[in-house]
């Protein structure tokens, strides 16, 4: 009997924990939604200061970012840390940009035109990779082709990037954009053509990545078309 009572107490504790977790989850979701509403209402006011921070992070050349002043004479540690963060861990910056996009796309209205510069950064492969990933995620959520054609054009050039790893990743990301069906038919065709060209890439790693990504894309398309028995 004592063992049964102990089991009952454990069950009660589990139910209590579930109730607490569910209540916390609801409160958290409610708080996040209120925060989104507040940010959306202030989007016009917040867009410019947010953009100024992001533009510092997106600048490719530190001296250019500092207005022509040599970095060693700049005393602002905060300003410098932003650039170092973007250089050493660009995925952090671009994850932030994507999160802002999910809250309110207009928050990025000033920063997005700077993406072509980051996409073409010659000496920072990690920056190009992170930027290409961000643009692909944005295109999966919304048709940015009409609003920011230069960003899309710069993104398409990454299919012929000097990095074989990035060229291979572009096929997977490109087909995900096509599958999302948010963009124009012309852009989708250009993406598919660019992916097809990577099947004949000079690097075997890229060809392998392109084959795998294409197979996954076709499999997913066929699975969606299958009707349940």
Protein backbone atom coordinates (compact mmCIF):
# COMPACT_ATOMS: atom_id res chain seq x y z
CA UNK A 1 0.00 0.00 0.00
CA UNK A 2 2.85 2.33 0.85
CA UNK A 3 4.37 1.76 -2.59
CA UNK A 4 1.03 2.54 -4.24
CA UNK A 5 0.74 5.76 -2.23
CA UNK A 6 4.24 6.77 -3.32
CA UNK A 7 3.33 6.15 -6.97
CA UNK A 8 0.18 8.24 -6.59
CA UNK A 9 2.23 11.09 -5.12
CA UNK A 10 4.66 10.89 -8.03
CA UNK A 11 1.79 11.02 -10.51
CA UNK A 12 0.37 14.06 -8.71
CA UNK A 13 3.78 15.77 -8.85
CA UNK A 14 4.07 15.04 -12.58
CA UNK A 15 0.62 16.49 -13.21
CA UNK A 16 1.53 19.54 -11.14
CA UNK A 17 4.75 20.01 -13.11
CA UNK A 18 2.83 19.71 -16.37
CA UNK A 19 0.35 22.34 -15.19
CA UNK A 20 3.16 24.68 -14.15
CA UNK A 21 4.97 24.23 -17.48
CA UNK A 22 1.77 24.80 -19.44
CA UNK A 23 0.96 27.92 -17.42
CA UNK A 24 4.50 29.25 -17.89
CA UNK A 25 4.37 28.53 -21.61
CA UNK A 26 1.09 30.43 -21.99
CA UNK A 27 2.40 33.41 -20.03
CA UNK A 28 5.60 33.43 -22.07
CA UNK A 29 3.70 33.29 -25.36
CA UNK A 30 1.42 36.10 -24.18
CA UNK A 31 4.41 38.23 -23.14
CA UNK A 32 6.17 37.64 -26.47
CA UNK A 33 3.06 38.58 -28.42
CA UNK A 34 2.69 41.79 -26.39
CA UNK A 35 6.35 42.57 -27.10
CA UNK A 36 5.80 42.01 -30.83
CA UNK A 37 2.77 44.33 -30.81
CA UNK A 38 4.79 47.01 -29.02
CA UNK A 39 7.74 46.73 -31.41
CA UNK A 40 5.48 46.80 -34.45
CA UNK A 41 3.83 49.96 -33.17
CA UNK A 42 7.24 51.59 -32.78
CA UNK A 43 8.75 50.17 -35.97
CA UNK A 44 9.10 53.57 -37.65
CA UNK A 45 10.98 54.91 -34.64
CA UNK A 46 13.15 51.83 -34.07
CA UNK A 47 14.12 51.09 -37.67
CA UNK A 48 16.79 53.79 -37.91
CA UNK A 49 18.72 53.11 -34.65
CA UNK A 50 18.53 49.36 -35.24
CA UNK A 51 19.81 49.91 -38.75
CA UNK A 52 22.75 52.00 -37.51
CA UNK A 53 23.92 49.15 -35.30
CA UNK A 54 23.47 46.58 -38.05
CA UNK A 55 25.22 48.75 -40.62
CA UNK A 56 28.29 48.89 -38.39
CA UNK A 57 28.21 45.10 -38.20
CA UNK A 58 27.78 44.74 -41.95
CA UNK A 59 30.65 47.04 -42.90
CA UNK A 60 33.38 44.99 -44.58
CA UNK A 61 36.29 47.34 -43.98
CA UNK A 62 36.98 48.50 -40.41
CA UNK A 63 38.60 51.78 -41.45
CA UNK A 64 35.68 52.50 -43.78
CA UNK A 65 33.27 51.65 -40.99
CA UNK A 66 34.99 54.17 -38.73
CA UNK A 67 34.64 56.96 -41.29
CA UNK A 68 38.25 56.83 -42.48
CA UNK A 69 39.72 57.05 -39.00
CA UNK A 70 42.37 54.45 -38.17
CA UNK A 71 40.99 51.79 -35.77
CA UNK A 72 43.84 52.29 -33.27
CA UNK A 73 42.74 55.85 -32.50
CA UNK A 74 39.12 54.96 -31.89
CA UNK A 75 38.19 54.81 -28.23
CA UNK A 76 34.69 53.32 -28.57
CA UNK A 77 35.01 49.74 -27.38
CA UNK A 78 31.31 49.12 -28.00
CA UNK A 79 31.61 50.17 -31.64
CA UNK A 80 34.69 47.99 -32.12
CA UNK A 81 33.07 44.96 -30.47
CA UNK A 82 30.17 45.10 -32.92
CA UNK A 83 32.52 44.85 -35.86
CA UNK A 84 34.56 42.06 -34.24
CA UNK A 85 31.36 40.14 -33.53
CA UNK A 86 30.25 40.44 -37.15
CA UNK A 87 33.69 39.43 -38.41
CA UNK A 88 34.31 36.49 -36.09
CA UNK A 89 30.77 35.24 -35.55
CA UNK A 90 28.64 36.64 -38.39
CA UNK A 91 25.92 34.03 -37.88
CA UNK A 92 25.04 35.76 -34.59
CA UNK A 93 24.40 39.07 -36.34
CA UNK A 94 22.38 37.52 -39.13
CA UNK A 95 20.33 35.40 -36.71
CA UNK A 96 19.42 38.67 -35.00
CA UNK A 97 18.40 40.16 -38.33
CA UNK A 98 16.18 37.19 -39.10
CA UNK A 99 14.53 37.44 -35.68
CA UNK A 100 13.81 41.12 -36.31
CA UNK A 101 12.34 40.19 -39.69
CA UNK A 102 9.95 37.76 -37.99
CA UNK A 103 8.79 40.49 -35.61
CA UNK A 104 8.43 43.26 -38.17
CA UNK A 105 10.06 43.24 -41.64
CA UNK A 106 10.21 47.04 -41.78
CA UNK A 107 12.79 47.01 -38.97
CA UNK A 108 15.31 45.90 -41.60
CA UNK A 109 14.29 48.44 -44.23
CA UNK A 110 17.55 50.38 -43.87
CA UNK A 111 19.86 47.43 -43.27
CA UNK A 112 18.81 45.07 -46.07
CA UNK A 113 20.24 47.24 -48.89
CA UNK A 114 23.67 46.70 -47.28
CA UNK A 115 23.54 42.93 -47.74
CA UNK A 116 25.04 42.90 -51.28
CA UNK A 117 28.25 44.32 -49.78
CA UNK A 118 28.38 41.50 -47.21
CA UNK A 119 27.56 38.90 -49.87
CA UNK A 120 30.49 40.05 -51.98
CA UNK A 121 33.03 40.39 -49.18
CA UNK A 122 36.14 38.85 -50.79
CA UNK A 123 38.22 37.95 -47.74
CA UNK A 124 35.57 36.83 -45.24
CA UNK A 125 34.10 33.50 -46.33
CA UNK A 126 32.16 33.14 -43.09
CA UNK A 127 30.49 36.50 -43.70
CA UNK A 128 29.41 35.49 -47.21
CA UNK A 129 28.13 32.15 -45.95
CA UNK A 130 26.12 33.68 -43.09
CA UNK A 131 24.70 36.39 -45.34
CA UNK A 132 23.67 33.90 -48.02
CA UNK A 133 21.95 31.80 -45.37
CA UNK A 134 20.08 34.84 -44.06
CA UNK A 135 18.89 35.88 -47.53
CA UNK A 136 17.70 32.34 -48.27
CA UNK A 137 15.68 32.29 -45.03
CA UNK A 138 14.18 35.68 -45.87
CA UNK A 139 13.22 34.55 -49.37
CA UNK A 140 11.57 31.44 -47.92
CA UNK A 141 9.32 33.66 -45.79
CA UNK A 142 8.58 36.50 -48.18
CA UNK A 143 9.07 37.68 -51.75
CA UNK A 144 11.89 40.18 -51.36
CA UNK A 145 12.86 39.99 -55.01
CA UNK A 146 10.74 42.96 -56.04
CA UNK A 147 11.66 45.09 -53.03
CA UNK A 148 15.40 44.40 -52.98
CA UNK A 149 16.47 43.17 -56.44
CA UNK A 150 20.13 44.00 -55.82
CA UNK A 151 20.14 41.78 -52.74
CA UNK A 152 18.70 38.87 -54.72
CA UNK A 153 21.14 39.42 -57.58
CA UNK A 154 24.07 39.42 -55.17
CA UNK A 155 22.72 36.28 -53.51
CA UNK A 156 22.50 34.46 -56.85
CA UNK A 157 26.19 35.13 -57.48
CA UNK A 158 27.04 32.93 -54.50
CA UNK A 159 26.21 29.90 -56.65
CA UNK A 160 29.61 30.53 -58.23
CA UNK A 161 31.38 31.54 -55.02
CA UNK A 162 35.09 30.78 -54.71
CA UNK A 163 34.24 28.55 -51.72
CA UNK A 164 33.25 25.04 -52.79
CA UNK A 165 31.49 24.54 -49.46
CA UNK A 166 29.29 27.58 -50.00
CA UNK A 167 28.52 26.61 -53.61
CA UNK A 168 27.29 23.25 -52.34
CA UNK A 169 25.19 24.86 -49.61
CA UNK A 170 23.64 27.25 -52.11
CA UNK A 171 21.99 24.35 -53.95
CA UNK A 172 20.26 23.15 -50.80
CA UNK A 173 19.23 26.67 -49.80
CA UNK A 174 18.16 27.56 -53.33
CA UNK A 175 15.87 24.56 -53.64
CA UNK A 176 14.37 25.36 -50.24
CA UNK A 177 13.55 28.84 -51.55
CA UNK A 178 11.93 27.32 -54.64
CA UNK A 179 9.89 24.91 -52.50
CA UNK A 180 8.63 27.76 -50.31
CA UNK A 181 6.77 29.19 -53.36
CA UNK A 182 6.91 32.80 -52.15
CA UNK A 183 8.91 34.19 -55.04
CA UNK A 184 8.28 34.94 -58.71
CA UNK A 185 8.38 32.19 -61.30
CA UNK A 186 11.26 33.96 -63.03
CA UNK A 187 13.36 33.92 -59.88
CA UNK A 188 12.53 30.28 -59.23
CA UNK A 189 13.65 29.38 -62.75
CA UNK A 190 16.92 31.22 -62.29
CA UNK A 191 17.53 29.42 -59.00
CA UNK A 192 16.79 26.01 -60.54
CA UNK A 193 19.13 26.76 -63.45
CA UNK A 194 21.87 27.81 -61.04
CA UNK A 195 21.37 24.61 -59.03
CA UNK A 196 21.53 22.49 -62.19
CA UNK A 197 24.86 24.06 -63.14
CA UNK A 198 26.35 22.95 -59.83
CA UNK A 199 25.69 19.34 -60.81
CA UNK A 200 28.61 19.83 -63.20
CA UNK A 201 30.79 21.78 -60.78
CA UNK A 202 34.55 21.29 -60.98
CA UNK A 203 34.67 20.23 -57.32
CA UNK A 204 33.36 16.75 -56.56
CA UNK A 205 32.19 17.88 -53.10
CA UNK A 206 29.89 20.42 -54.74
CA UNK A 207 28.56 17.89 -57.24
CA UNK A 208 27.83 15.47 -54.40
CA UNK A 209 26.07 18.16 -52.35
CA UNK A 210 24.05 19.18 -55.42
CA UNK A 211 22.96 15.59 -56.08
CA UNK A 212 21.92 15.07 -52.46
CA UNK A 213 20.02 18.37 -52.31
CA UNK A 214 18.25 17.66 -55.61
CA UNK A 215 17.28 14.16 -54.49
CA UNK A 216 15.87 15.52 -51.22
CA UNK A 217 13.94 18.19 -53.12
CA UNK A 218 12.40 15.68 -55.54
CA UNK A 219 11.57 13.26 -52.72
CA UNK A 220 9.81 16.01 -50.75
CA UNK A 221 7.88 17.13 -53.83
CA UNK A 222 6.73 13.57 -54.57
CA UNK A 223 5.76 13.02 -50.93
CA UNK A 224 3.55 16.13 -51.00
CA UNK A 225 1.84 14.88 -54.15
CA UNK A 226 1.09 11.46 -52.65
CA UNK A 227 -2.55 11.10 -51.68
CA UNK A 228 -3.33 9.26 -48.44
CA UNK A 229 -4.69 5.76 -48.84
